[in-house]
Amino acid sequence: MAILRTVLTVVFILVCIVLSTIVLMQEGKSAGLGAISGMADSYWGKNKGRSLEGRLVKITKILAVAFLLLAIVLNIGSLG
């Protein structure tokens, strides 16, 4: 059981590092102010889901769920 806890802790640390890195790679929401000047209808605005930014958002959501699940599992393991 100690080996499983160690493996989960290492995975948890890796998820934390990757999640932090990906969040820092994303554009700020202030970049969306192009809508004021009509740039929202550009190619990049329409295909944001297929762009690098769209993929970063999806990866962030997946890693955030993994982070929460691992945190809960590791906390439950420490209660017993």
N, C-alpha and C. Protein backbone atom coordinates (compact mmCIF):
# COMPACT_ATOMS: atom_id res chain seq x y z
N MET A 1 0.82 -1.20 0.00
CA MET A 1 0.00 0.00 0.00
C MET A 1 0.86 1.26 0.00
N ALA A 2 2.02 1.17 0.63
CA ALA A 2 2.92 2.32 0.67
C ALA A 2 3.47 2.64 -0.71
N ILE A 3 3.65 1.60 -1.54
CA ILE A 3 4.16 1.81 -2.89
C ILE A 3 3.12 2.55 -3.73
N LEU A 4 1.86 2.16 -3.59
CA LEU A 4 0.79 2.83 -4.32
C LEU A 4 0.69 4.30 -3.92
N ARG A 5 0.80 4.56 -2.63
CA ARG A 5 0.75 5.95 -2.14
C ARG A 5 1.91 6.77 -2.69
N THR A 6 3.10 6.15 -2.75
CA THR A 6 4.27 6.85 -3.30
C THR A 6 4.08 7.14 -4.78
N VAL A 7 3.57 6.17 -5.53
CA VAL A 7 3.32 6.37 -6.96
C VAL A 7 2.29 7.47 -7.17
N LEU A 8 1.20 7.44 -6.41
CA LEU A 8 0.17 8.48 -6.54
C LEU A 8 0.71 9.86 -6.17
N THR A 9 1.58 9.92 -5.19
CA THR A 9 2.18 11.20 -4.80
C THR A 9 3.07 11.74 -5.91
N VAL A 10 3.85 10.87 -6.54
CA VAL A 10 4.71 11.31 -7.64
C VAL A 10 3.85 11.78 -8.82
N VAL A 11 2.79 11.04 -9.13
CA VAL A 11 1.89 11.46 -10.22
C VAL A 11 1.23 12.79 -9.87
N PHE A 12 0.84 12.96 -8.62
CA PHE A 12 0.22 14.21 -8.16
C PHE A 12 1.18 15.40 -8.34
N ILE A 13 2.43 15.20 -8.00
CA ILE A 13 3.43 16.27 -8.16
C ILE A 13 3.62 16.60 -9.63
N LEU A 14 3.68 15.58 -10.48
CA LEU A 14 3.83 15.82 -11.92
C LEU A 14 2.63 16.57 -12.48
N VAL A 15 1.43 16.17 -12.06
CA VAL A 15 0.22 16.86 -12.52
C VAL A 15 0.25 18.33 -12.07
N CYS A 16 0.70 18.59 -10.85
CA CYS A 16 0.79 19.97 -10.35
C CYS A 16 1.74 20.81 -11.20
N ILE A 17 2.89 20.25 -11.52
CA ILE A 17 3.88 20.98 -12.30
C ILE A 17 3.38 21.25 -13.71
N VAL A 18 2.81 20.22 -14.36
CA VAL A 18 2.31 20.39 -15.73
C VAL A 18 1.12 21.34 -15.76
N LEU A 19 0.24 21.25 -14.79
CA LEU A 19 -0.92 22.15 -14.73
C LEU A 19 -0.47 23.60 -14.56
N SER A 20 0.48 23.83 -13.70
CA SER A 20 0.99 25.20 -13.51
C SER A 20 1.62 25.73 -14.79
N THR A 21 2.38 24.90 -15.47
CA THR A 21 3.03 25.32 -16.71
C THR A 21 2.01 25.65 -17.79
N ILE A 22 1.01 24.81 -17.93
CA ILE A 22 0.01 25.04 -18.98
C ILE A 22 -0.83 26.28 -18.68
N VAL A 23 -1.15 26.51 -17.43
CA VAL A 23 -1.90 27.72 -17.08
C VAL A 23 -1.09 28.97 -17.41
N LEU A 24 0.21 28.92 -17.16
CA LEU A 24 1.05 30.08 -17.47
C LEU A 24 1.24 30.27 -18.97
N MET A 25 1.07 29.22 -19.77
CA MET A 25 1.22 29.33 -21.22
C MET A 25 0.00 29.95 -21.88
N GLN A 26 -1.14 29.95 -21.20
CA GLN A 26 -2.37 30.44 -21.82
C GLN A 26 -2.37 31.97 -21.90
N GLU A 27 -3.14 32.44 -22.89
CA GLU A 27 -3.30 33.88 -23.05
C GLU A 27 -4.21 34.41 -21.96
N GLY A 28 -4.02 35.66 -21.60
CA GLY A 28 -4.90 36.28 -20.63
C GLY A 28 -6.24 36.59 -21.26
N LYS A 29 -7.24 36.77 -20.44
CA LYS A 29 -8.57 37.10 -20.95
C LYS A 29 -8.62 38.49 -21.55
N SER A 30 -7.65 39.32 -21.23
CA SER A 30 -7.62 40.66 -21.82
C SER A 30 -7.33 40.60 -23.32
N ALA A 31 -6.79 39.47 -23.79
CA ALA A 31 -6.55 39.32 -25.22
C ALA A 31 -7.87 39.24 -25.97
N GLY A 32 -8.96 38.98 -25.29
CA GLY A 32 -10.26 38.90 -25.91
C GLY A 32 -10.89 40.25 -26.15
N LEU A 33 -10.21 41.32 -25.83
CA LEU A 33 -10.75 42.66 -26.05
C LEU A 33 -10.77 43.05 -27.52
N GLY A 34 -10.28 42.18 -28.39
CA GLY A 34 -10.34 42.44 -29.83
C GLY A 34 -11.77 42.48 -30.33
N ALA A 35 -12.71 42.00 -29.56
CA ALA A 35 -14.12 42.02 -29.96
C ALA A 35 -14.64 43.45 -30.09
N ILE A 36 -14.01 44.37 -29.38
CA ILE A 36 -14.45 45.76 -29.45
C ILE A 36 -14.21 46.33 -30.85
N SER A 37 -13.07 45.95 -31.44
CA SER A 37 -12.74 46.49 -32.76
C SER A 37 -13.19 45.56 -33.89
N GLY A 38 -13.95 44.53 -33.59
CA GLY A 38 -14.47 43.65 -34.62
C GLY A 38 -13.57 42.50 -34.98
N MET A 39 -12.55 42.23 -34.21
CA MET A 39 -11.63 41.15 -34.53
C MET A 39 -12.15 39.79 -34.07
N ALA A 40 -13.28 39.76 -33.41
CA ALA A 40 -13.81 38.50 -32.90
C ALA A 40 -14.25 37.56 -34.03
N ASP A 41 -14.54 38.12 -35.20
CA ASP A 41 -14.98 37.31 -36.33
C ASP A 41 -13.83 36.86 -37.21
N SER A 42 -12.61 36.98 -36.72
CA SER A 42 -11.47 36.56 -37.51
C SER A 42 -11.38 35.04 -37.55
N TYR A 43 -10.46 34.53 -38.34
CA TYR A 43 -10.27 33.09 -38.46
C TYR A 43 -9.94 32.48 -37.11
N TRP A 44 -9.07 33.12 -36.35
CA TRP A 44 -8.65 32.57 -35.06
C TRP A 44 -9.79 32.61 -34.05
N GLY A 45 -10.66 33.59 -34.16
CA GLY A 45 -11.80 33.66 -33.25
C GLY A 45 -12.81 32.55 -33.50
N LYS A 46 -13.00 32.19 -34.78
CA LYS A 46 -13.95 31.15 -35.13
C LYS A 46 -13.42 29.76 -34.85
N ASN A 47 -12.12 29.55 -34.99
CA ASN A 47 -11.53 28.23 -34.86
C ASN A 47 -10.68 28.10 -33.61
N LYS A 48 -11.09 28.75 -32.55
CA LYS A 48 -10.30 28.73 -31.33
C LYS A 48 -10.21 27.33 -30.72
N GLY A 49 -11.23 26.51 -30.91
CA GLY A 49 -11.21 25.14 -30.39
C GLY A 49 -10.15 24.28 -31.05
N ARG A 50 -9.77 24.60 -32.27
CA ARG A 50 -8.76 23.82 -33.00
C ARG A 50 -7.37 24.40 -32.85
N SER A 51 -7.25 25.56 -32.28
CA SER A 51 -5.95 26.21 -32.16
C SER A 51 -5.21 25.70 -30.92
N LEU A 52 -4.00 26.18 -30.76
CA LEU A 52 -3.20 25.81 -29.59
C LEU A 52 -3.89 26.26 -28.31
N GLU A 53 -4.49 27.42 -28.34
CA GLU A 53 -5.18 27.93 -27.15
C GLU A 53 -6.36 27.03 -26.77
N GLY A 54 -7.09 26.55 -27.75
CA GLY A 54 -8.20 25.65 -27.48
C GLY A 54 -7.74 24.33 -26.87
N ARG A 55 -6.62 23.82 -27.39
CA ARG A 55 -6.09 22.58 -26.83
C ARG A 55 -5.58 22.79 -25.41
N LEU A 56 -4.97 23.94 -25.15
CA LEU A 56 -4.49 24.23 -23.79
C LEU A 56 -5.64 24.29 -22.80
N VAL A 57 -6.76 24.83 -23.23
CA VAL A 57 -7.93 24.91 -22.35
C VAL A 57 -8.45 23.51 -22.03
N LYS A 58 -8.51 22.64 -23.04
CA LYS A 58 -8.98 21.27 -22.82
C LYS A 58 -8.03 20.51 -21.90
N ILE A 59 -6.74 20.65 -22.13
CA ILE A 59 -5.75 19.97 -21.29
C ILE A 59 -5.82 20.48 -19.86
N THR A 60 -6.05 21.79 -19.70
CA THR A 60 -6.16 22.37 -18.36
C THR A 60 -7.34 21.76 -17.61
N LYS A 61 -8.47 21.60 -18.29
CA LYS A 61 -9.65 21.01 -17.64
C LYS A 61 -9.38 19.58 -17.21
N ILE A 62 -8.75 18.80 -18.09
CA ILE A 62 -8.44 17.41 -17.77
C ILE A 62 -7.49 17.32 -16.59
N LEU A 63 -6.44 18.14 -16.60
CA LEU A 63 -5.46 18.11 -15.51
C LEU A 63 -6.06 18.62 -14.20
N ALA A 64 -6.99 19.57 -14.28
CA ALA A 64 -7.63 20.06 -13.06
C ALA A 64 -8.48 18.97 -12.41
N VAL A 65 -9.18 18.18 -13.24
CA VAL A 65 -9.97 17.08 -12.71
C VAL A 65 -9.04 16.02 -12.10
N ALA A 66 -7.94 15.72 -12.79
CA ALA A 66 -6.96 14.75 -12.27
C ALA A 66 -6.37 15.24 -10.95
N PHE A 67 -6.08 16.53 -10.87
CA PHE A 67 -5.54 17.13 -9.66
C PHE A 67 -6.51 16.94 -8.49
N LEU A 68 -7.77 17.26 -8.72
CA LEU A 68 -8.77 17.14 -7.66
C LEU A 68 -8.97 15.70 -7.22
N LEU A 69 -9.05 14.79 -8.20
CA LEU A 69 -9.25 13.39 -7.85
C LEU A 69 -8.06 12.82 -7.07
N LEU A 70 -6.85 13.15 -7.52
CA LEU A 70 -5.66 12.67 -6.80
C LEU A 70 -5.59 13.27 -5.41
N ALA A 71 -5.95 14.54 -5.27
CA ALA A 71 -5.92 15.17 -3.96
C ALA A 71 -6.92 14.48 -3.01
N ILE A 72 -8.09 14.15 -3.52
CA ILE A 72 -9.09 13.47 -2.70
C ILE A 72 -8.61 12.07 -2.32
N VAL A 73 -8.08 11.33 -3.29
CA VAL A 73 -7.61 9.97 -3.03
C VAL A 73 -6.47 9.97 -2.01
N LEU A 74 -5.53 10.90 -2.19
CA LEU A 74 -4.40 10.96 -1.25
C LEU A 74 -4.86 11.40 0.14
N ASN A 75 -5.87 12.26 0.21
CA ASN A 75 -6.38 12.69 1.52
C ASN A 75 -7.14 11.58 2.21
N ILE A 76 -7.93 10.84 1.45
CA ILE A 76 -8.67 9.72 2.04
C ILE A 76 -7.69 8.68 2.58
N GLY A 77 -6.59 8.46 1.86
CA GLY A 77 -5.60 7.50 2.30
C GLY A 77 -4.92 7.92 3.59
N SER A 78 -4.83 9.21 3.84
CA SER A 78 -4.16 9.67 5.06
C SER A 78 -5.09 9.65 6.27
N LEU A 79 -6.41 9.55 6.04
CA LEU A 79 -7.35 9.53 7.14
C LEU A 79 -7.36 8.17 7.87
N GLY A 80 -7.09 7.12 7.11
CA GLY A 80 -7.19 5.79 7.70
C GLY A 80 -5.96 5.28 8.35
